[in-house]
Amino acid sequence: MQIQSFYHSASLKTQEAFKSLQKTLYNGMQILSGQGKAPAKASDVRPEIIVLREPGATWGNYLQHQKASNHSLHNLYNLQRDLLTVAATVLGKQDPVLTSMANQM
């Protein structure tokens, strides 16, 4: 019973994390496409959204050294698409919104 309880708990946490990631990516896509607005203040946002290459690296540090070009945007879209693919793999199913978002990138 303990294993089933642990599995159920881990499954719920994974689903919560996925829904949060899905919402974040969807909102980001809306902002990038000009269809949405950035929130005035997000109290629960951490500076290190995703660790890149080394501990303590942030998006700001990562993008600071990138040239302002379409190429750097493509790198971000590719990373987002990879994150969506990983999320779908973890859940073991295809979510229509997730599939649509991945196909748009």
N, C-alpha and C. Protein backbone atom coordinates (compact mmCIF):
# COMPACT_ATOMS: atom_id res chain seq x y z
N MET A 1 0.81 -1.20 0.00
CA MET A 1 0.00 0.00 0.00
C MET A 1 0.85 1.26 0.00
N GLN A 2 2.01 1.19 0.67
CA GLN A 2 2.86 2.36 0.75
C GLN A 2 3.37 2.75 -0.64
N ILE A 3 3.70 1.78 -1.45
CA ILE A 3 4.19 2.05 -2.80
C ILE A 3 3.09 2.70 -3.64
N GLN A 4 1.87 2.19 -3.54
CA GLN A 4 0.76 2.79 -4.29
C GLN A 4 0.51 4.22 -3.84
N SER A 5 0.58 4.46 -2.54
CA SER A 5 0.38 5.81 -2.01
C SER A 5 1.47 6.75 -2.52
N PHE A 6 2.72 6.27 -2.50
CA PHE A 6 3.83 7.08 -2.99
C PHE A 6 3.66 7.38 -4.48
N TYR A 7 3.30 6.35 -5.25
CA TYR A 7 3.10 6.53 -6.69
C TYR A 7 1.99 7.54 -6.95
N HIS A 8 0.89 7.42 -6.22
CA HIS A 8 -0.24 8.34 -6.40
C HIS A 8 0.19 9.77 -6.08
N SER A 9 0.94 9.94 -4.99
CA SER A 9 1.41 11.27 -4.59
C SER A 9 2.35 11.85 -5.65
N ALA A 10 3.27 11.03 -6.15
CA ALA A 10 4.20 11.49 -7.18
C ALA A 10 3.46 11.84 -8.46
N SER A 11 2.45 11.05 -8.79
CA SER A 11 1.65 11.30 -9.99
C SER A 11 0.92 12.63 -9.88
N LEU A 12 0.34 12.91 -8.72
CA LEU A 12 -0.37 14.18 -8.53
C LEU A 12 0.59 15.36 -8.62
N LYS A 13 1.78 15.22 -8.03
CA LYS A 13 2.76 16.31 -8.09
C LYS A 13 3.23 16.54 -9.52
N THR A 14 3.41 15.47 -10.27
CA THR A 14 3.82 15.59 -11.67
C THR A 14 2.73 16.29 -12.47
N GLN A 15 1.48 15.92 -12.24
CA GLN A 15 0.38 16.56 -12.96
C GLN A 15 0.28 18.04 -12.61
N GLU A 16 0.48 18.38 -11.32
CA GLU A 16 0.46 19.79 -10.91
C GLU A 16 1.57 20.57 -11.60
N ALA A 17 2.77 19.99 -11.61
CA ALA A 17 3.91 20.65 -12.24
C ALA A 17 3.66 20.84 -13.73
N PHE A 18 3.09 19.82 -14.37
CA PHE A 18 2.81 19.92 -15.79
C PHE A 18 1.79 21.01 -16.09
N LYS A 19 0.71 21.06 -15.29
CA LYS A 19 -0.31 22.09 -15.51
C LYS A 19 0.27 23.48 -15.33
N SER A 20 1.16 23.64 -14.34
CA SER A 20 1.81 24.92 -14.11
C SER A 20 2.69 25.29 -15.30
N LEU A 21 3.47 24.31 -15.80
CA LEU A 21 4.32 24.54 -16.96
C LEU A 21 3.48 24.88 -18.18
N GLN A 22 2.40 24.16 -18.37
CA GLN A 22 1.51 24.39 -19.50
C GLN A 22 0.94 25.81 -19.45
N LYS A 23 0.50 26.24 -18.28
CA LYS A 23 -0.07 27.58 -18.12
C LYS A 23 1.00 28.65 -18.38
N THR A 24 2.20 28.43 -17.85
CA THR A 24 3.28 29.39 -18.04
C THR A 24 3.64 29.53 -19.51
N LEU A 25 3.78 28.40 -20.21
CA LEU A 25 4.13 28.45 -21.63
C LEU A 25 3.01 29.07 -22.46
N TYR A 26 1.77 28.74 -22.14
CA TYR A 26 0.64 29.31 -22.87
C TYR A 26 0.61 30.83 -22.69
N ASN A 27 0.76 31.29 -21.44
CA ASN A 27 0.76 32.73 -21.19
C ASN A 27 1.93 33.40 -21.90
N GLY A 28 3.09 32.76 -21.89
CA GLY A 28 4.25 33.31 -22.58
C GLY A 28 4.03 33.42 -24.07
N MET A 29 3.38 32.41 -24.65
CA MET A 29 3.10 32.46 -26.09
C MET A 29 2.11 33.57 -26.41
N GLN A 30 1.13 33.78 -25.54
CA GLN A 30 0.16 34.85 -25.75
C GLN A 30 0.85 36.21 -25.71
N ILE A 31 1.78 36.38 -24.77
CA ILE A 31 2.51 37.64 -24.65
C ILE A 31 3.39 37.85 -25.88
N LEU A 32 4.13 36.81 -26.29
CA LEU A 32 5.02 36.93 -27.45
C LEU A 32 4.25 37.22 -28.73
N SER A 33 3.05 36.68 -28.86
CA SER A 33 2.28 36.89 -30.08
C SER A 33 1.50 38.19 -30.05
N GLY A 34 1.58 38.93 -28.94
CA GLY A 34 0.87 40.20 -28.85
C GLY A 34 -0.58 40.07 -28.47
N GLN A 35 -1.02 38.88 -28.10
CA GLN A 35 -2.43 38.66 -27.76
C GLN A 35 -2.68 38.76 -26.26
N GLY A 36 -1.62 38.87 -25.48
CA GLY A 36 -1.79 38.94 -24.04
C GLY A 36 -0.90 40.00 -23.44
N LYS A 37 -1.05 40.21 -22.15
CA LYS A 37 -0.23 41.20 -21.46
C LYS A 37 0.53 40.51 -20.34
N ALA A 38 1.74 40.98 -20.11
CA ALA A 38 2.52 40.46 -19.00
C ALA A 38 1.87 40.89 -17.69
N PRO A 39 1.90 40.04 -16.69
CA PRO A 39 1.31 40.43 -15.40
C PRO A 39 2.09 41.59 -14.78
N ALA A 40 1.37 42.46 -14.11
CA ALA A 40 2.01 43.62 -13.48
C ALA A 40 2.99 43.16 -12.41
N LYS A 41 2.61 42.17 -11.65
CA LYS A 41 3.50 41.64 -10.61
C LYS A 41 3.16 40.18 -10.39
N ALA A 42 4.17 39.37 -10.40
CA ALA A 42 3.97 37.95 -10.13
C ALA A 42 4.77 37.61 -8.87
N SER A 43 4.08 37.50 -7.75
CA SER A 43 4.76 37.33 -6.47
C SER A 43 5.46 35.98 -6.32
N ASP A 44 4.97 34.96 -7.02
CA ASP A 44 5.55 33.63 -6.82
C ASP A 44 6.59 33.25 -7.87
N VAL A 45 7.03 34.21 -8.68
CA VAL A 45 8.01 33.92 -9.72
C VAL A 45 9.41 33.92 -9.12
N ARG A 46 10.17 32.90 -9.43
CA ARG A 46 11.56 32.83 -8.98
C ARG A 46 12.46 33.33 -10.09
N PRO A 47 13.59 33.96 -9.75
CA PRO A 47 14.52 34.42 -10.79
C PRO A 47 15.06 33.27 -11.63
N GLU A 48 15.33 32.11 -11.01
CA GLU A 48 15.84 30.96 -11.75
C GLU A 48 14.66 30.09 -12.15
N ILE A 49 14.09 30.35 -13.31
CA ILE A 49 12.96 29.56 -13.77
C ILE A 49 13.45 28.17 -14.18
N ILE A 50 14.49 28.13 -14.97
CA ILE A 50 15.08 26.87 -15.39
C ILE A 50 16.58 27.03 -15.30
N VAL A 51 17.26 26.08 -14.73
CA VAL A 51 18.71 26.16 -14.63
C VAL A 51 19.29 25.76 -15.97
N LEU A 52 20.15 26.61 -16.50
CA LEU A 52 20.75 26.37 -17.80
C LEU A 52 22.26 26.18 -17.67
N ARG A 53 22.75 25.09 -18.14
CA ARG A 53 24.17 24.78 -18.24
C ARG A 53 24.90 24.66 -16.91
N GLU A 54 24.68 25.54 -15.98
CA GLU A 54 25.42 25.50 -14.72
C GLU A 54 24.51 25.97 -13.59
N PRO A 55 24.78 25.55 -12.36
CA PRO A 55 23.96 26.00 -11.23
C PRO A 55 23.99 27.52 -11.10
N GLY A 56 22.83 28.11 -10.90
CA GLY A 56 22.75 29.56 -10.72
C GLY A 56 22.54 30.33 -12.01
N ALA A 57 22.62 29.67 -13.17
CA ALA A 57 22.39 30.36 -14.44
C ALA A 57 20.91 30.67 -14.59
N THR A 58 20.60 31.82 -15.12
CA THR A 58 19.20 32.23 -15.31
C THR A 58 18.98 32.57 -16.77
N TRP A 59 17.69 32.75 -17.12
CA TRP A 59 17.37 33.16 -18.50
C TRP A 59 18.07 34.47 -18.83
N GLY A 60 18.06 35.41 -17.88
CA GLY A 60 18.70 36.71 -18.12
C GLY A 60 20.17 36.56 -18.45
N ASN A 61 20.87 35.74 -17.66
CA ASN A 61 22.29 35.51 -17.93
C ASN A 61 22.49 34.81 -19.27
N TYR A 62 21.62 33.85 -19.54
CA TYR A 62 21.74 33.09 -20.78
C TYR A 62 21.51 33.98 -21.99
N LEU A 63 20.46 34.80 -21.94
CA LEU A 63 20.10 35.63 -23.09
C LEU A 63 21.00 36.85 -23.24
N GLN A 64 21.66 37.26 -22.16
CA GLN A 64 22.52 38.43 -22.21
C GLN A 64 23.64 38.24 -23.22
N HIS A 65 24.12 37.02 -23.36
CA HIS A 65 25.23 36.75 -24.26
C HIS A 65 24.78 36.34 -25.66
N GLN A 66 23.49 36.31 -25.88
CA GLN A 66 22.97 35.95 -27.20
C GLN A 66 22.80 37.20 -28.05
N LYS A 67 23.02 37.07 -29.32
CA LYS A 67 22.75 38.20 -30.22
C LYS A 67 21.25 38.36 -30.37
N ALA A 68 20.82 39.60 -30.51
CA ALA A 68 19.40 39.87 -30.72
C ALA A 68 19.06 39.52 -32.16
N SER A 69 18.62 38.33 -32.38
CA SER A 69 18.31 37.89 -33.74
C SER A 69 17.21 36.85 -33.69
N ASN A 70 16.73 36.50 -34.85
CA ASN A 70 15.73 35.44 -34.93
C ASN A 70 16.30 34.11 -34.47
N HIS A 71 17.61 33.96 -34.63
CA HIS A 71 18.24 32.69 -34.24
C HIS A 71 18.07 32.43 -32.75
N SER A 72 18.26 33.46 -31.91
CA SER A 72 18.12 33.26 -30.47
C SER A 72 16.67 32.96 -30.11
N LEU A 73 15.71 33.56 -30.83
CA LEU A 73 14.30 33.24 -30.59
C LEU A 73 14.00 31.79 -30.95
N HIS A 74 14.59 31.33 -32.04
CA HIS A 74 14.39 29.93 -32.43
C HIS A 74 14.94 28.99 -31.36
N ASN A 75 16.06 29.37 -30.73
CA ASN A 75 16.60 28.54 -29.65
C ASN A 75 15.60 28.43 -28.51
N LEU A 76 14.95 29.54 -28.17
CA LEU A 76 13.95 29.52 -27.10
C LEU A 76 12.75 28.67 -27.48
N TYR A 77 12.28 28.82 -28.72
CA TYR A 77 11.14 28.01 -29.17
C TYR A 77 11.50 26.52 -29.15
N ASN A 78 12.72 26.20 -29.57
CA ASN A 78 13.14 24.80 -29.55
C ASN A 78 13.17 24.25 -28.13
N LEU A 79 13.67 25.07 -27.19
CA LEU A 79 13.70 24.64 -25.80
C LEU A 79 12.28 24.44 -25.26
N GLN A 80 11.38 25.36 -25.59
CA GLN A 80 9.99 25.23 -25.14
C GLN A 80 9.35 23.97 -25.73
N ARG A 81 9.62 23.71 -27.01
CA ARG A 81 9.06 22.51 -27.64
C ARG A 81 9.60 21.26 -26.96
N ASP A 82 10.89 21.27 -26.61
CA ASP A 82 11.47 20.12 -25.91
C ASP A 82 10.84 19.93 -24.54
N LEU A 83 10.58 21.04 -23.84
CA LEU A 83 9.93 20.95 -22.53
C LEU A 83 8.52 20.36 -22.65
N LEU A 84 7.80 20.78 -23.69
CA LEU A 84 6.46 20.24 -23.91
C LEU A 84 6.52 18.75 -24.21
N THR A 85 7.49 18.34 -25.00
CA THR A 85 7.64 16.93 -25.33
C THR A 85 7.94 16.11 -24.08
N VAL A 86 8.82 16.63 -23.23
CA VAL A 86 9.16 15.93 -21.99
C VAL A 86 7.93 15.84 -21.09
N ALA A 87 7.17 16.93 -21.00
CA ALA A 87 5.96 16.91 -20.16
C ALA A 87 4.97 15.86 -20.66
N ALA A 88 4.81 15.77 -21.97
CA ALA A 88 3.89 14.77 -22.53
C ALA A 88 4.39 13.36 -22.25
N THR A 89 5.69 13.17 -22.32
CA THR A 89 6.27 11.85 -22.05
C THR A 89 6.07 11.46 -20.59
N VAL A 90 6.27 12.42 -19.68
CA VAL A 90 6.10 12.14 -18.25
C VAL A 90 4.67 11.74 -17.95
N LEU A 91 3.72 12.44 -18.57
CA LEU A 91 2.32 12.13 -18.32
C LEU A 91 1.86 10.87 -19.05
N GLY A 92 2.56 10.52 -20.11
CA GLY A 92 2.21 9.31 -20.85
C GLY A 92 0.96 9.45 -21.69
N LYS A 93 0.59 10.68 -22.01
CA LYS A 93 -0.59 10.87 -22.85
C LYS A 93 -0.44 12.17 -23.62
N GLN A 94 -1.24 12.32 -24.63
CA GLN A 94 -1.21 13.53 -25.44
C GLN A 94 -2.36 14.45 -25.03
N ASP A 95 -2.03 15.62 -24.59
CA ASP A 95 -3.02 16.63 -24.24
C ASP A 95 -3.25 17.49 -25.49
N PRO A 96 -4.50 17.74 -25.90
CA PRO A 96 -4.74 18.50 -27.13
C PRO A 96 -4.13 19.90 -27.10
N VAL A 97 -4.19 20.56 -25.95
CA VAL A 97 -3.60 21.90 -25.84
C VAL A 97 -2.09 21.81 -25.95
N LEU A 98 -1.51 20.83 -25.30
CA LEU A 98 -0.07 20.62 -25.35
C LEU A 98 0.39 20.34 -26.77
N THR A 99 -0.32 19.47 -27.46
CA THR A 99 0.02 19.14 -28.84
C THR A 99 -0.07 20.37 -29.73
N SER A 100 -1.12 21.15 -29.56
CA SER A 100 -1.30 22.36 -30.36
C SER A 100 -0.18 23.35 -30.10
N MET A 101 0.19 23.52 -28.83
CA MET A 101 1.27 24.45 -28.50
C MET A 101 2.59 24.00 -29.11
N ALA A 102 2.89 22.72 -29.02
CA ALA A 102 4.14 22.20 -29.57
C ALA A 102 4.18 22.36 -31.08
N ASN A 103 3.05 22.15 -31.74
CA ASN A 103 2.99 22.27 -33.19
C ASN A 103 3.13 23.71 -33.66
N GLN A 104 2.76 24.67 -32.82
CA GLN A 104 2.86 26.07 -33.21
C GLN A 104 4.29 26.60 -33.12
N MET A 105 5.16 25.86 -32.46
CA MET A 105 6.54 26.34 -32.29
C MET A 105 7.44 25.81 -33.37
